[in-house]
Protein backbone atom coordinates (compact mmCIF):
# COMPACT_ATOMS: atom_id res chain seq x y z
CA UNK A 1 13.55 -4.52 -5.22
CA UNK A 2 12.27 -2.91 -3.25
CA UNK A 3 7.50 -1.78 -4.00
CA UNK A 4 6.96 2.41 -4.51
CA UNK A 5 5.01 4.20 -5.01
CA UNK A 6 4.56 4.94 -8.52
CA UNK A 7 4.20 1.56 -8.75
CA UNK A 8 1.00 0.90 -6.96
CA UNK A 9 -0.32 3.49 -9.35
CA UNK A 10 0.42 2.22 -12.04
CA UNK A 11 -2.39 -0.16 -10.55
CA UNK A 12 -5.77 1.65 -8.99
CA UNK A 13 -8.97 0.46 -9.28
CA UNK A 14 -6.72 -3.27 -10.62
CA UNK A 15 -7.78 -6.32 -8.78
CA UNK A 16 -4.88 -9.03 -7.34
CA UNK A 17 -5.88 -12.03 -6.33
CA UNK A 18 -4.75 -12.75 -2.78
CA UNK A 19 -3.73 -16.42 -2.18
CA UNK A 20 -6.12 -17.35 1.08
CA UNK A 21 -5.59 -21.18 1.66
CA UNK A 22 -7.97 -22.90 1.59
CA UNK A 23 -10.86 -20.37 0.70
CA UNK A 24 -9.25 -20.72 -2.82
CA UNK A 25 -8.14 -16.85 -4.21
CA UNK A 26 -10.15 -14.37 -2.85
CA UNK A 27 -9.88 -10.29 -5.33
CA UNK A 28 -8.40 -7.52 -3.56
CA UNK A 29 -9.69 -4.22 -5.33
CA UNK A 30 -6.48 -1.42 -4.99
CA UNK A 31 -8.58 1.46 -3.83
CA UNK A 32 -6.61 3.37 -2.53
CA UNK A 33 -2.43 4.82 -3.01
CA UNK A 34 -1.47 7.58 -0.36
CA UNK A 35 1.92 9.14 -0.20
CA UNK A 36 2.65 9.76 3.21
CA UNK A 37 4.85 12.66 2.20
CA UNK A 38 6.12 13.11 5.78
CA UNK A 39 7.36 10.96 6.81
CA UNK A 40 10.61 9.54 4.93
CA UNK A 41 12.60 6.42 4.77
CA UNK A 42 16.41 6.27 6.04
CA UNK A 43 17.13 5.66 2.80
CA UNK A 44 15.12 7.59 1.22
CA UNK A 45 12.21 4.88 -0.60
CA UNK A 46 8.75 6.06 -0.88
CA UNK A 47 7.01 6.37 2.15
CA UNK A 48 3.62 5.32 0.98
CA UNK A 49 0.25 3.14 1.95
CA UNK A 50 -2.11 1.23 -0.70
CA UNK A 51 -5.66 0.48 0.12
CA UNK A 52 -7.93 -3.08 -0.52
CA UNK A 53 -11.40 -3.70 -0.43
CA UNK A 54 -12.01 -7.23 -0.56
CA UNK A 55 -15.50 -9.09 0.24
CA UNK A 56 -17.10 -8.36 3.29
CA UNK A 57 -16.58 -12.18 4.90
CA UNK A 58 -14.48 -13.85 5.43
CA UNK A 59 -12.50 -11.03 7.23
CA UNK A 60 -8.81 -11.65 6.88
CA UNK A 61 -6.16 -11.27 10.19
CA UNK A 62 -3.67 -8.88 9.45
CA UNK A 63 0.35 -11.17 7.99
CA UNK A 64 1.10 -11.90 5.11
CA UNK A 65 -0.21 -12.59 2.43
CA UNK A 66 0.20 -13.98 -1.28
CA UNK A 67 -1.33 -12.15 -4.69
CA UNK A 68 -0.48 -11.62 -7.77
CA UNK A 69 -2.15 -9.29 -10.06
CA UNK A 70 -1.72 -9.37 -13.89
CA UNK A 71 -0.01 -5.94 -14.11
CA UNK A 72 3.27 -6.46 -10.79
CA UNK A 73 3.10 -10.22 -10.94
CA UNK A 74 3.88 -11.55 -7.95
CA UNK A 75 4.59 -10.07 -3.71
CA UNK A 76 4.37 -11.35 -0.47
CA UNK A 77 2.27 -7.61 1.62
CA UNK A 78 1.80 -7.53 5.47
CA UNK A 79 -1.79 -6.64 4.75
CA UNK A 80 -4.20 -5.23 7.68
CA UNK A 81 -8.53 -5.83 8.34
CA UNK A 82 -8.78 -1.56 8.57
CA UNK A 83 -12.82 -2.00 9.08
CA UNK A 84 -15.45 -2.21 5.86
CA UNK A 85 -17.19 0.29 3.97
CA UNK A 86 -19.93 0.20 2.47
CA UNK A 87 -18.99 -2.14 -0.30
CA UNK A 88 -16.52 -4.78 1.44
CA UNK A 89 -13.96 -5.32 4.22
CA UNK A 90 -10.76 -2.22 3.34
CA UNK A 91 -7.27 -4.33 4.02
CA UNK A 92 -4.04 -1.26 4.40
CA UNK A 93 -0.23 -1.85 3.13
CA UNK A 94 2.44 1.21 4.80
CA UNK A 95 5.89 0.89 3.03
CA UNK A 96 8.30 2.91 4.97
C-alpha cells in the first residue's frame, strides 16, 4: 500500500531511525509534511513531501535508505539532502 499524507502527518515531530550502514542508526526528526495540491498523481494518490532534520554531520547523499518509526514501522525511502538549517541537515522525500 502506498504511503499517504495522513500516514506521515500523524507522525509529525516523531523520530525516524535511518540505517546509515557504517555510521549506525541516525535519528531524523520529521519536521514538515506538505501537500502539493497543484500536482495530481495519475491514480488519485496524495502528492506530498516530507522534510526530516538530522545531525549536521555526517551528511548523507541522495539514495534509498532504510528507515524505521515506532508508528509507521520499517520502510525504504529515497531521501535527498536539501541543505542545513540552524539545527542540522534537512532531507526531503517526495511522494507522487
